[in-house]
Amino acid sequence: MPVSGPAYPVNLLLTGRRVLVVGGGTVAVEKIQGLLAAEAVVHVVATVVSEAVRDLAVTWEERPYRRDEVVGYRLAVACTDDPAANQAVFDDGESAGIWVNAADDPERCAYTLPARLDQGRLLVTVSTAGHSPALASWLRDQLAGQLGPEYDILIDLLAEGRARLVAQGRPTLGADWRSALDSGMLDLVRAGRIDEAREQLHSALAPAEPSPSVFHP
């Protein structure tokens, strides 16, 4: 049966995990490139496997999809031009508990793929729950003009600050990260004043000084 309802966003860790892609055309190339960037192990099945797919770091078979073939994979993508084939992949995935995405067909998706913006280790995604990929891509491009390489440096500083708290035996969840980020750190990073940004972070995360006790004789 079709899957619908509110989405629960996650980032899947696919390094070394097997993913099946059913389809060998232009859309398949786009999906495969994203999967390979996540270090997934991709196998492609399609009645026609394009040269562009064959040039990617995948294994492939040029034949129709076989029923229940999704079993044994962690994830699957159906991107053929045959609705019946896409339906079969989705149905088999539902039966086997395998997450399936059917490209441009939200009714045949157990998960959807957001538009993504990678800026170093910063990953920003935009999703419309599969209803308007065009809007998601447009918004992603709008954000791309605002998020530069300075954010990757900021990630380094924040990770350093987090490690410092751990080394001091202090909790990281209760730290006032928002004050640190609102302190002008990003502007300092953009200006190349990294050491000053680091000091701003340390100052914002410093433990509060205990209030002096007042003795009344």
N, C-alpha and C. Protein backbone atom coordinates (compact mmCIF):
# COMPACT_ATOMS: atom_id res chain seq x y z
N MET A 1 0.83 -1.18 0.00
CA MET A 1 0.00 0.00 0.00
C MET A 1 0.87 1.24 0.00
N PRO A 2 0.42 2.35 -0.60
CA PRO A 2 1.22 3.57 -0.60
C PRO A 2 1.52 4.05 0.80
N VAL A 3 2.69 4.68 0.95
CA VAL A 3 3.10 5.21 2.24
C VAL A 3 2.85 6.72 2.24
N SER A 4 2.25 7.23 3.29
CA SER A 4 2.03 8.66 3.40
C SER A 4 2.09 9.06 4.86
N GLY A 5 2.18 10.37 5.11
CA GLY A 5 2.24 10.86 6.47
C GLY A 5 3.43 11.76 6.66
N PRO A 6 3.56 12.35 7.85
CA PRO A 6 4.68 13.25 8.11
C PRO A 6 6.01 12.51 8.08
N ALA A 7 7.05 13.21 7.64
CA ALA A 7 8.37 12.59 7.52
C ALA A 7 9.17 12.76 8.81
N TYR A 8 10.01 11.77 9.09
CA TYR A 8 10.93 11.81 10.22
C TYR A 8 12.34 11.92 9.65
N PRO A 9 12.98 13.08 9.72
CA PRO A 9 14.28 13.27 9.05
C PRO A 9 15.40 12.53 9.75
N VAL A 10 16.23 11.87 8.96
CA VAL A 10 17.41 11.17 9.49
C VAL A 10 18.56 11.35 8.49
N ASN A 11 19.78 11.13 8.96
CA ASN A 11 20.95 11.04 8.09
C ASN A 11 21.45 9.60 8.15
N LEU A 12 21.34 8.88 7.06
CA LEU A 12 21.73 7.47 7.04
C LEU A 12 23.24 7.34 6.86
N LEU A 13 23.85 6.45 7.60
CA LEU A 13 25.28 6.14 7.47
C LEU A 13 25.39 4.88 6.61
N LEU A 14 25.82 5.06 5.36
CA LEU A 14 25.77 3.98 4.38
C LEU A 14 27.14 3.41 4.04
N THR A 15 28.18 3.84 4.70
CA THR A 15 29.51 3.34 4.38
C THR A 15 29.56 1.82 4.46
N GLY A 16 29.91 1.20 3.33
CA GLY A 16 30.04 -0.25 3.28
C GLY A 16 28.73 -1.01 3.22
N ARG A 17 27.60 -0.32 3.17
CA ARG A 17 26.31 -1.00 3.14
C ARG A 17 25.82 -1.13 1.70
N ARG A 18 25.15 -2.24 1.43
CA ARG A 18 24.71 -2.55 0.07
C ARG A 18 23.40 -1.84 -0.27
N VAL A 19 23.39 -1.19 -1.43
CA VAL A 19 22.21 -0.48 -1.90
C VAL A 19 21.92 -0.94 -3.33
N LEU A 20 20.65 -1.23 -3.60
CA LEU A 20 20.22 -1.65 -4.93
C LEU A 20 19.59 -0.46 -5.65
N VAL A 21 20.04 -0.23 -6.87
CA VAL A 21 19.44 0.79 -7.73
C VAL A 21 18.84 0.07 -8.93
N VAL A 22 17.55 0.22 -9.12
CA VAL A 22 16.87 -0.40 -10.26
C VAL A 22 16.59 0.70 -11.28
N GLY A 23 17.29 0.66 -12.37
CA GLY A 23 17.23 1.71 -13.38
C GLY A 23 18.63 2.10 -13.79
N GLY A 24 18.82 2.43 -15.07
CA GLY A 24 20.18 2.70 -15.54
C GLY A 24 20.32 3.95 -16.37
N GLY A 25 19.40 4.91 -16.21
CA GLY A 25 19.44 6.12 -17.02
C GLY A 25 19.98 7.33 -16.28
N THR A 26 19.55 8.50 -16.75
CA THR A 26 20.05 9.77 -16.21
C THR A 26 19.70 9.93 -14.73
N VAL A 27 18.48 9.60 -14.37
CA VAL A 27 18.08 9.72 -12.96
C VAL A 27 18.90 8.79 -12.09
N ALA A 28 19.15 7.58 -12.60
CA ALA A 28 19.95 6.61 -11.84
C ALA A 28 21.35 7.16 -11.57
N VAL A 29 21.93 7.82 -12.56
CA VAL A 29 23.27 8.40 -12.38
C VAL A 29 23.28 9.36 -11.21
N GLU A 30 22.27 10.24 -11.17
CA GLU A 30 22.19 11.23 -10.07
C GLU A 30 22.07 10.53 -8.72
N LYS A 31 21.19 9.53 -8.63
CA LYS A 31 21.01 8.82 -7.36
C LYS A 31 22.28 8.08 -6.96
N ILE A 32 22.91 7.43 -7.93
CA ILE A 32 24.12 6.65 -7.64
C ILE A 32 25.23 7.56 -7.15
N GLN A 33 25.39 8.71 -7.76
CA GLN A 33 26.46 9.63 -7.34
C GLN A 33 26.29 10.03 -5.88
N GLY A 34 25.05 10.28 -5.47
CA GLY A 34 24.81 10.60 -4.07
C GLY A 34 25.12 9.44 -3.15
N LEU A 35 24.77 8.24 -3.57
CA LEU A 35 25.04 7.05 -2.76
C LEU A 35 26.54 6.78 -2.66
N LEU A 36 27.25 6.96 -3.76
CA LEU A 36 28.70 6.74 -3.72
C LEU A 36 29.39 7.77 -2.86
N ALA A 37 28.87 9.00 -2.86
CA ALA A 37 29.44 10.04 -1.99
C ALA A 37 29.29 9.64 -0.53
N ALA A 38 28.25 8.86 -0.23
CA ALA A 38 28.04 8.36 1.13
C ALA A 38 28.76 7.03 1.36
N GLU A 39 29.58 6.62 0.39
CA GLU A 39 30.41 5.41 0.49
C GLU A 39 29.59 4.13 0.56
N ALA A 40 28.40 4.15 -0.06
CA ALA A 40 27.59 2.93 -0.14
C ALA A 40 28.18 1.99 -1.21
N VAL A 41 27.85 0.72 -1.10
CA VAL A 41 28.23 -0.29 -2.10
C VAL A 41 27.01 -0.48 -2.99
N VAL A 42 27.11 -0.01 -4.23
CA VAL A 42 25.93 0.07 -5.10
C VAL A 42 25.95 -1.00 -6.18
N HIS A 43 24.80 -1.68 -6.31
CA HIS A 43 24.60 -2.62 -7.40
C HIS A 43 23.42 -2.13 -8.22
N VAL A 44 23.57 -2.15 -9.54
CA VAL A 44 22.56 -1.62 -10.45
C VAL A 44 21.97 -2.76 -11.27
N VAL A 45 20.64 -2.76 -11.38
CA VAL A 45 19.93 -3.69 -12.24
C VAL A 45 19.04 -2.86 -13.15
N ALA A 46 19.15 -3.07 -14.47
CA ALA A 46 18.33 -2.32 -15.42
C ALA A 46 18.29 -3.04 -16.75
N THR A 47 17.20 -2.87 -17.46
CA THR A 47 17.11 -3.49 -18.79
C THR A 47 18.11 -2.86 -19.74
N VAL A 48 18.42 -1.58 -19.53
CA VAL A 48 19.47 -0.90 -20.28
C VAL A 48 20.31 -0.11 -19.29
N VAL A 49 21.59 -0.42 -19.23
CA VAL A 49 22.52 0.28 -18.35
C VAL A 49 23.34 1.24 -19.20
N SER A 50 23.17 2.53 -18.97
CA SER A 50 23.86 3.53 -19.79
C SER A 50 25.37 3.52 -19.54
N GLU A 51 26.09 4.10 -20.49
CA GLU A 51 27.54 4.19 -20.33
C GLU A 51 27.90 5.05 -19.12
N ALA A 52 27.08 6.06 -18.85
CA ALA A 52 27.34 6.92 -17.70
C ALA A 52 27.28 6.14 -16.40
N VAL A 53 26.36 5.18 -16.30
CA VAL A 53 26.27 4.32 -15.11
C VAL A 53 27.45 3.36 -15.07
N ARG A 54 27.79 2.79 -16.21
CA ARG A 54 28.90 1.83 -16.25
C ARG A 54 30.22 2.47 -15.86
N ASP A 55 30.34 3.78 -16.07
CA ASP A 55 31.58 4.48 -15.74
C ASP A 55 31.70 4.77 -14.24
N LEU A 56 30.64 4.55 -13.49
CA LEU A 56 30.67 4.79 -12.05
C LEU A 56 31.20 3.56 -11.31
N ALA A 57 31.57 3.76 -10.05
CA ALA A 57 32.15 2.67 -9.24
C ALA A 57 31.05 1.79 -8.68
N VAL A 58 30.36 1.08 -9.58
CA VAL A 58 29.25 0.20 -9.20
C VAL A 58 29.41 -1.14 -9.89
N THR A 59 28.68 -2.13 -9.40
CA THR A 59 28.49 -3.37 -10.16
C THR A 59 27.13 -3.27 -10.82
N TRP A 60 26.95 -3.96 -11.95
CA TRP A 60 25.68 -3.81 -12.66
C TRP A 60 25.35 -5.08 -13.45
N GLU A 61 24.05 -5.24 -13.68
CA GLU A 61 23.53 -6.32 -14.51
C GLU A 61 22.47 -5.74 -15.44
N GLU A 62 22.57 -6.07 -16.70
CA GLU A 62 21.63 -5.56 -17.68
C GLU A 62 20.53 -6.61 -17.91
N ARG A 63 19.47 -6.48 -17.16
CA ARG A 63 18.34 -7.41 -17.19
C ARG A 63 17.18 -6.80 -16.42
N PRO A 64 15.98 -7.35 -16.53
CA PRO A 64 14.85 -6.85 -15.75
C PRO A 64 15.03 -7.17 -14.26
N TYR A 65 14.34 -6.38 -13.46
CA TYR A 65 14.30 -6.62 -12.02
C TYR A 65 13.59 -7.94 -11.75
N ARG A 66 14.11 -8.71 -10.78
CA ARG A 66 13.50 -9.97 -10.37
C ARG A 66 12.78 -9.77 -9.04
N ARG A 67 11.62 -10.34 -8.93
CA ARG A 67 10.83 -10.17 -7.71
C ARG A 67 11.62 -10.62 -6.47
N ASP A 68 11.44 -9.87 -5.40
CA ASP A 68 12.09 -10.10 -4.09
C ASP A 68 13.60 -9.89 -4.14
N GLU A 69 14.08 -9.24 -5.18
CA GLU A 69 15.52 -9.02 -5.32
C GLU A 69 16.06 -8.01 -4.30
N VAL A 70 15.19 -7.22 -3.71
CA VAL A 70 15.67 -6.23 -2.73
C VAL A 70 16.17 -6.89 -1.45
N VAL A 71 15.77 -8.12 -1.20
CA VAL A 71 16.17 -8.81 0.03
C VAL A 71 17.70 -8.90 0.07
N GLY A 72 18.27 -8.54 1.20
CA GLY A 72 19.71 -8.58 1.36
C GLY A 72 20.36 -7.21 1.23
N TYR A 73 19.59 -6.21 0.79
CA TYR A 73 20.10 -4.85 0.69
C TYR A 73 19.58 -4.02 1.87
N ARG A 74 20.31 -2.96 2.21
CA ARG A 74 19.86 -2.08 3.29
C ARG A 74 18.90 -1.01 2.78
N LEU A 75 19.00 -0.70 1.49
CA LEU A 75 18.26 0.41 0.91
C LEU A 75 18.09 0.12 -0.58
N ALA A 76 17.04 0.69 -1.18
CA ALA A 76 16.83 0.51 -2.61
C ALA A 76 16.27 1.78 -3.23
N VAL A 77 16.61 1.98 -4.49
CA VAL A 77 16.10 3.10 -5.27
C VAL A 77 15.53 2.54 -6.57
N ALA A 78 14.30 2.90 -6.88
CA ALA A 78 13.67 2.50 -8.14
C ALA A 78 13.56 3.72 -9.03
N CYS A 79 14.20 3.69 -10.17
CA CYS A 79 14.17 4.86 -11.06
C CYS A 79 14.12 4.41 -12.52
N THR A 80 13.22 3.50 -12.81
CA THR A 80 13.01 3.07 -14.19
C THR A 80 11.88 3.90 -14.80
N ASP A 81 11.68 3.75 -16.12
CA ASP A 81 10.54 4.41 -16.77
C ASP A 81 9.35 3.47 -16.88
N ASP A 82 9.39 2.37 -16.11
CA ASP A 82 8.33 1.37 -16.12
C ASP A 82 7.63 1.39 -14.76
N PRO A 83 6.41 1.96 -14.68
CA PRO A 83 5.72 2.04 -13.39
C PRO A 83 5.52 0.68 -12.73
N ALA A 84 5.31 -0.35 -13.52
CA ALA A 84 5.10 -1.68 -12.95
C ALA A 84 6.37 -2.19 -12.27
N ALA A 85 7.52 -1.91 -12.87
CA ALA A 85 8.79 -2.32 -12.26
C ALA A 85 9.03 -1.56 -10.96
N ASN A 86 8.79 -0.26 -10.98
CA ASN A 86 8.96 0.54 -9.76
C ASN A 86 8.01 0.06 -8.66
N GLN A 87 6.79 -0.28 -9.05
CA GLN A 87 5.82 -0.79 -8.08
C GLN A 87 6.29 -2.10 -7.48
N ALA A 88 6.86 -2.97 -8.30
CA ALA A 88 7.34 -4.27 -7.81
C ALA A 88 8.47 -4.08 -6.80
N VAL A 89 9.38 -3.15 -7.08
CA VAL A 89 10.48 -2.89 -6.14
C VAL A 89 9.92 -2.38 -4.82
N PHE A 90 8.98 -1.45 -4.90
CA PHE A 90 8.38 -0.90 -3.69
C PHE A 90 7.64 -1.97 -2.90
N ASP A 91 6.83 -2.76 -3.58
CA ASP A 91 6.07 -3.81 -2.89
C ASP A 91 6.99 -4.82 -2.22
N ASP A 92 8.05 -5.21 -2.93
CA ASP A 92 9.00 -6.17 -2.35
C ASP A 92 9.71 -5.57 -1.15
N GLY A 93 10.04 -4.30 -1.24
CA GLY A 93 10.69 -3.63 -0.12
C GLY A 93 9.79 -3.58 1.09
N GLU A 94 8.51 -3.26 0.89
CA GLU A 94 7.57 -3.23 2.00
C GLU A 94 7.45 -4.60 2.65
N SER A 95 7.42 -5.64 1.85
CA SER A 95 7.28 -7.00 2.39
C SER A 95 8.52 -7.43 3.17
N ALA A 96 9.69 -6.98 2.70
CA ALA A 96 10.95 -7.42 3.30
C ALA A 96 11.49 -6.45 4.34
N GLY A 97 10.82 -5.33 4.53
CA GLY A 97 11.33 -4.35 5.48
C GLY A 97 12.53 -3.58 4.97
N ILE A 98 12.62 -3.41 3.64
CA ILE A 98 13.70 -2.65 3.02
C ILE A 98 13.15 -1.29 2.61
N TRP A 99 13.88 -0.23 2.91
CA TRP A 99 13.43 1.12 2.57
C TRP A 99 13.65 1.37 1.09
N VAL A 100 12.59 1.77 0.39
CA VAL A 100 12.63 1.98 -1.06
C VAL A 100 12.21 3.41 -1.38
N ASN A 101 12.96 4.02 -2.31
CA ASN A 101 12.58 5.32 -2.87
C ASN A 101 12.31 5.12 -4.35
N ALA A 102 11.13 5.55 -4.80
CA ALA A 102 10.81 5.55 -6.22
C ALA A 102 10.91 6.98 -6.72
N ALA A 103 11.83 7.22 -7.62
CA ALA A 103 12.12 8.59 -8.06
C ALA A 103 10.87 9.26 -8.63
N ASP A 104 10.60 10.47 -8.15
CA ASP A 104 9.49 11.30 -8.61
C ASP A 104 8.14 10.61 -8.45
N ASP A 105 8.02 9.78 -7.42
CA ASP A 105 6.75 9.08 -7.17
C ASP A 105 6.58 8.92 -5.66
N PRO A 106 6.17 9.99 -4.96
CA PRO A 106 6.10 9.94 -3.49
C PRO A 106 5.17 8.87 -2.95
N GLU A 107 4.19 8.45 -3.75
CA GLU A 107 3.28 7.39 -3.28
C GLU A 107 3.96 6.03 -3.25
N ARG A 108 5.09 5.91 -3.86
CA ARG A 108 5.83 4.65 -3.87
C ARG A 108 7.18 4.82 -3.19
N CYS A 109 7.18 5.59 -2.12
CA CYS A 109 8.43 5.87 -1.39
C CYS A 109 8.26 5.54 0.08
N ALA A 110 9.16 4.76 0.62
CA ALA A 110 9.24 4.59 2.07
C ALA A 110 10.16 5.66 2.66
N TYR A 111 10.93 6.33 1.79
CA TYR A 111 11.72 7.48 2.19
C TYR A 111 11.84 8.40 0.98
N THR A 112 12.01 9.69 1.23
CA THR A 112 12.22 10.64 0.15
C THR A 112 13.62 11.23 0.27
N LEU A 113 14.10 11.79 -0.82
CA LEU A 113 15.45 12.35 -0.86
C LEU A 113 15.36 13.86 -0.96
N PRO A 114 15.83 14.59 0.04
CA PRO A 114 15.76 16.06 0.00
C PRO A 114 16.81 16.63 -0.95
N ALA A 115 16.59 17.88 -1.36
CA ALA A 115 17.67 18.61 -2.03
C ALA A 115 18.75 18.88 -0.99
N ARG A 116 20.00 18.70 -1.36
CA ARG A 116 21.07 18.80 -0.37
C ARG A 116 22.12 19.81 -0.80
N LEU A 117 22.67 20.46 0.21
CA LEU A 117 23.75 21.41 0.02
C LEU A 117 24.90 20.98 0.92
N ASP A 118 26.04 20.67 0.32
CA ASP A 118 27.23 20.27 1.07
C ASP A 118 28.22 21.43 1.07
N GLN A 119 28.61 21.85 2.25
CA GLN A 119 29.64 22.87 2.40
C GLN A 119 30.65 22.32 3.41
N GLY A 120 31.63 21.58 2.91
CA GLY A 120 32.54 20.87 3.80
C GLY A 120 31.76 19.84 4.60
N ARG A 121 31.84 19.93 5.90
CA ARG A 121 31.11 18.99 6.76
C ARG A 121 29.70 19.48 7.10
N LEU A 122 29.37 20.67 6.65
CA LEU A 122 28.02 21.17 6.86
C LEU A 122 27.10 20.62 5.78
N LEU A 123 26.06 19.95 6.20
CA LEU A 123 25.06 19.41 5.28
C LEU A 123 23.72 20.04 5.59
N VAL A 124 23.15 20.71 4.59
CA VAL A 124 21.83 21.33 4.73
C VAL A 124 20.90 20.67 3.72
N THR A 125 19.74 20.23 4.19
CA THR A 125 18.79 19.60 3.28
C THR A 125 17.47 20.36 3.30
N VAL A 126 16.79 20.32 2.17
CA VAL A 126 15.49 20.96 2.03
C VAL A 126 14.53 19.93 1.44
N SER A 127 13.41 19.75 2.10
CA SER A 127 12.45 18.74 1.65
C SER A 127 11.05 19.31 1.59
N THR A 128 10.29 18.85 0.60
CA THR A 128 8.87 19.17 0.51
C THR A 128 8.05 17.88 0.59
N ALA A 129 8.62 16.86 1.26
CA ALA A 129 7.97 15.55 1.40
C ALA A 129 7.67 14.94 0.03
N GLY A 130 8.52 15.24 -0.94
CA GLY A 130 8.37 14.66 -2.26
C GLY A 130 7.37 15.35 -3.16
N HIS A 131 6.71 16.41 -2.67
CA HIS A 131 5.63 17.02 -3.45
C HIS A 131 6.13 18.05 -4.47
N SER A 132 7.26 18.69 -4.20
CA SER A 132 7.78 19.66 -5.16
C SER A 132 9.31 19.68 -5.11
N PRO A 133 9.95 18.73 -5.77
CA PRO A 133 11.42 18.74 -5.83
C PRO A 133 11.97 20.05 -6.40
N ALA A 134 11.21 20.68 -7.30
CA ALA A 134 11.68 21.93 -7.90
C ALA A 134 11.83 23.02 -6.84
N LEU A 135 10.85 23.13 -5.94
CA LEU A 135 10.95 24.13 -4.87
C LEU A 135 12.10 23.80 -3.93
N ALA A 136 12.25 22.52 -3.59
CA ALA A 136 13.35 22.13 -2.70
C ALA A 136 14.70 22.51 -3.31
N SER A 137 14.86 22.26 -4.61
CA SER A 137 16.12 22.61 -5.28
C SER A 137 16.33 24.11 -5.33
N TRP A 138 15.26 24.86 -5.57
CA TRP A 138 15.36 26.31 -5.63
C TRP A 138 15.78 26.88 -4.28
N LEU A 139 15.16 26.40 -3.20
CA LEU A 139 15.52 26.88 -1.87
C LEU A 139 16.95 26.50 -1.52
N ARG A 140 17.35 25.29 -1.91
CA ARG A 140 18.74 24.86 -1.69
C ARG A 140 19.71 25.83 -2.34
N ASP A 141 19.41 26.24 -3.58
CA ASP A 141 20.29 27.16 -4.30
C ASP A 141 20.31 28.54 -3.65
N GLN A 142 19.17 28.97 -3.08
CA GLN A 142 19.15 30.25 -2.37
C GLN A 142 20.07 30.20 -1.16
N LEU A 143 20.04 29.09 -0.45
CA LEU A 143 20.88 28.96 0.74
C LEU A 143 22.36 28.86 0.39
N ALA A 144 22.65 28.31 -0.79
CA ALA A 144 24.04 28.11 -1.19
C ALA A 144 24.79 29.44 -1.25
N GLY A 145 24.07 30.52 -1.59
CA GLY A 145 24.72 31.82 -1.66
C GLY A 145 25.02 32.42 -0.31
N GLN A 146 24.47 31.83 0.75
CA GLN A 146 24.65 32.38 2.09
C GLN A 146 25.59 31.56 2.96
N LEU A 147 25.87 30.35 2.56
CA LEU A 147 26.67 29.45 3.39
C LEU A 147 28.00 29.17 2.71
N GLY A 148 29.03 29.87 3.17
CA GLY A 148 30.34 29.73 2.57
C GLY A 148 31.26 28.82 3.37
N PRO A 149 32.54 28.74 2.97
CA PRO A 149 33.51 27.85 3.63
C PRO A 149 33.79 28.23 5.08
N GLU A 150 33.39 29.45 5.48
CA GLU A 150 33.61 29.84 6.87
C GLU A 150 32.86 28.95 7.85
N TYR A 151 31.78 28.33 7.38
CA TYR A 151 31.01 27.46 8.27
C TYR A 151 31.79 26.18 8.60
N ASP A 152 32.61 25.72 7.68
CA ASP A 152 33.42 24.53 7.97
C ASP A 152 34.46 24.86 9.04
N ILE A 153 35.01 26.07 9.00
CA ILE A 153 35.95 26.50 10.04
C ILE A 153 35.22 26.61 11.37
N LEU A 154 34.00 27.14 11.33
CA LEU A 154 33.22 27.26 12.55
C LEU A 154 32.95 25.89 13.17
N ILE A 155 32.69 24.90 12.34
CA ILE A 155 32.50 23.53 12.84
C ILE A 155 33.74 23.06 13.57
N ASP A 156 34.92 23.34 13.01
CA ASP A 156 36.18 22.96 13.67
C ASP A 156 36.27 23.58 15.05
N LEU A 157 35.98 24.87 15.15
CA LEU A 157 36.09 25.55 16.43
C LEU A 157 35.11 24.99 17.45
N LEU A 158 33.88 24.73 17.01
CA LEU A 158 32.88 24.19 17.93
C LEU A 158 33.23 22.77 18.37
N ALA A 159 33.77 21.96 17.45
CA ALA A 159 34.19 20.62 17.82
C ALA A 159 35.34 20.67 18.82
N GLU A 160 36.23 21.62 18.61
CA GLU A 160 37.34 21.83 19.55
C GLU A 160 36.81 22.23 20.92
N GLY A 161 35.83 23.13 20.94
CA GLY A 161 35.24 23.54 22.20
C GLY A 161 34.53 22.41 22.90
N ARG A 162 33.85 21.58 22.12
CA ARG A 162 33.16 20.42 22.71
C ARG A 162 34.16 19.45 23.33
N ALA A 163 35.26 19.19 22.62
CA ALA A 163 36.29 18.30 23.16
C ALA A 163 36.89 18.87 24.44
N ARG A 164 37.02 20.18 24.50
CA ARG A 164 37.56 20.84 25.69
C ARG A 164 36.64 20.61 26.89
N LEU A 165 35.32 20.73 26.67
CA LEU A 165 34.38 20.49 27.76
C LEU A 165 34.45 19.04 28.25
N VAL A 166 34.54 18.11 27.30
CA VAL A 166 34.62 16.69 27.66
C VAL A 166 35.88 16.44 28.49
N ALA A 167 37.00 17.04 28.07
CA ALA A 167 38.25 16.85 28.80
C ALA A 167 38.17 17.42 30.22
N GLN A 168 37.34 18.44 30.40
CA GLN A 168 37.16 19.05 31.72
C GLN A 168 36.11 18.33 32.55
N GLY A 169 35.50 17.30 31.96
CA GLY A 169 34.46 16.56 32.67
C GLY A 169 33.15 17.33 32.79
N ARG A 170 32.96 18.30 31.90
CA ARG A 170 31.74 19.10 31.93
C ARG A 170 30.76 18.59 30.88
N PRO A 171 29.45 18.66 31.13
CA PRO A 171 28.47 18.20 30.15
C PRO A 171 28.45 19.13 28.93
N THR A 172 28.26 18.55 27.75
CA THR A 172 28.19 19.36 26.53
C THR A 172 26.76 19.79 26.20
N LEU A 173 25.79 19.02 26.65
CA LEU A 173 24.40 19.33 26.31
C LEU A 173 23.90 20.58 27.01
N GLY A 174 24.42 20.85 28.20
CA GLY A 174 23.94 22.01 28.93
C GLY A 174 24.73 23.27 28.66
N ALA A 175 25.76 23.18 27.80
CA ALA A 175 26.59 24.35 27.53
C ALA A 175 25.81 25.39 26.72
N ASP A 176 26.19 26.64 26.90
CA ASP A 176 25.47 27.74 26.25
C ASP A 176 26.04 27.99 24.85
N TRP A 177 25.79 27.03 23.95
CA TRP A 177 26.31 27.14 22.59
C TRP A 177 25.69 28.33 21.85
N ARG A 178 24.42 28.61 22.14
CA ARG A 178 23.75 29.70 21.43
C ARG A 178 24.44 31.04 21.71
N SER A 179 24.80 31.26 22.98
CA SER A 179 25.51 32.51 23.30
C SER A 179 26.84 32.58 22.57
N ALA A 180 27.50 31.44 22.48
CA ALA A 180 28.78 31.40 21.77
C ALA A 180 28.58 31.78 20.31
N LEU A 181 27.56 31.22 19.68
CA LEU A 181 27.32 31.49 18.27
C LEU A 181 26.82 32.91 18.04
N ASP A 182 26.13 33.46 19.03
CA ASP A 182 25.63 34.83 18.91
C ASP A 182 26.68 35.87 19.29
N SER A 183 27.87 35.42 19.68
CA SER A 183 28.89 36.34 20.19
C SER A 183 29.68 37.04 19.09
N GLY A 184 29.41 36.75 17.84
CA GLY A 184 30.17 37.35 16.74
C GLY A 184 31.27 36.46 16.22
N MET A 185 31.26 35.19 16.64
CA MET A 185 32.29 34.25 16.18
C MET A 185 32.37 34.17 14.66
N LEU A 186 31.22 34.05 14.02
CA LEU A 186 31.20 33.85 12.57
C LEU A 186 31.81 35.04 11.84
N ASP A 187 31.52 36.26 12.31
CA ASP A 187 32.10 37.45 11.67
C ASP A 187 33.62 37.45 11.83
N LEU A 188 34.10 37.00 12.99
CA LEU A 188 35.55 36.92 13.20
C LEU A 188 36.18 35.89 12.27
N VAL A 189 35.50 34.76 12.09
CA VAL A 189 36.01 33.74 11.18
C VAL A 189 36.07 34.27 9.76
N ARG A 190 35.02 34.97 9.34
CA ARG A 190 35.00 35.54 7.99
C ARG A 190 36.13 36.54 7.79
N ALA A 191 36.51 37.22 8.86
CA ALA A 191 37.60 38.20 8.78
C ALA A 191 38.97 37.56 8.93
N GLY A 192 39.00 36.23 9.10
CA GLY A 192 40.27 35.53 9.25
C GLY A 192 40.85 35.61 10.64
N ARG A 193 40.08 36.09 11.60
CA ARG A 193 40.56 36.26 12.99
C ARG A 193 40.16 35.02 13.80
N ILE A 194 40.77 33.91 13.46
CA ILE A 194 40.36 32.62 14.02
C ILE A 194 40.66 32.53 15.51
N ASP A 195 41.84 33.02 15.92
CA ASP A 195 42.19 32.94 17.34
C ASP A 195 41.23 33.76 18.20
N GLU A 196 40.80 34.91 17.69
CA GLU A 196 39.84 35.71 18.44
C GLU A 196 38.49 35.01 18.53
N ALA A 197 38.11 34.34 17.45
CA ALA A 197 36.86 33.57 17.46
C ALA A 197 36.93 32.45 18.49
N ARG A 198 38.10 31.83 18.58
CA ARG A 198 38.29 30.75 19.55
C ARG A 198 38.16 31.30 20.98
N GLU A 199 38.73 32.46 21.21
CA GLU A 199 38.63 33.07 22.54
C GLU A 199 37.18 33.43 22.88
N GLN A 200 36.45 33.91 21.90
CA GLN A 200 35.04 34.21 22.11
C GLN A 200 34.29 32.95 22.54
N LEU A 201 34.61 31.85 21.90
CA LEU A 201 33.96 30.58 22.24
C LEU A 201 34.31 30.16 23.66
N HIS A 202 35.59 30.21 23.98
CA HIS A 202 36.02 29.81 25.33
C HIS A 202 35.36 30.68 26.39
N SER A 203 35.25 31.97 26.12
CA SER A 203 34.64 32.88 27.08
C SER A 203 33.16 32.57 27.28
N ALA A 204 32.47 32.28 26.17
CA ALA A 204 31.03 31.98 26.26
C ALA A 204 30.77 30.68 26.99
N LEU A 205 31.69 29.72 26.87
CA LEU A 205 31.48 28.41 27.47
C LEU A 205 32.12 28.28 28.85
N ALA A 206 32.81 29.32 29.30
CA ALA A 206 33.47 29.25 30.60
C ALA A 206 32.44 29.05 31.71
N PRO A 207 32.77 28.24 32.71
CA PRO A 207 31.81 28.04 33.81
C PRO A 207 31.57 29.34 34.56
N ALA A 208 30.35 29.51 34.98
CA ALA A 208 30.00 30.73 35.70
C ALA A 208 30.76 30.78 37.02
N GLU A 209 31.23 31.98 37.35
CA GLU A 209 31.92 32.16 38.64
C GLU A 209 30.89 32.08 39.76
N PRO A 210 31.20 31.35 40.85
CA PRO A 210 30.25 31.28 41.96
C PRO A 210 30.05 32.64 42.60
N SER A 211 28.83 32.91 42.98
CA SER A 211 28.55 34.18 43.65
C SER A 211 29.23 34.20 45.01
N PRO A 212 29.88 35.32 45.36
CA PRO A 212 30.55 35.39 46.66
C PRO A 212 29.53 35.32 47.80
N SER A 213 29.87 34.56 48.79
CA SER A 213 28.96 34.46 49.94
C SER A 213 29.11 35.71 50.78
N VAL A 214 28.05 36.13 51.35
CA VAL A 214 28.04 37.33 52.20
C VAL A 214 27.84 36.91 53.63
N PHE A 215 28.79 37.31 54.47
CA PHE A 215 28.72 36.94 55.89
C PHE A 215 28.11 38.09 56.68
N HIS A 216 27.06 37.79 57.39
CA HIS A 216 26.42 38.78 58.27
C HIS A 216 26.67 38.38 59.72
N PRO A 217 27.51 39.14 60.43
CA PRO A 217 27.77 38.77 61.84
C PRO A 217 26.52 38.94 62.69
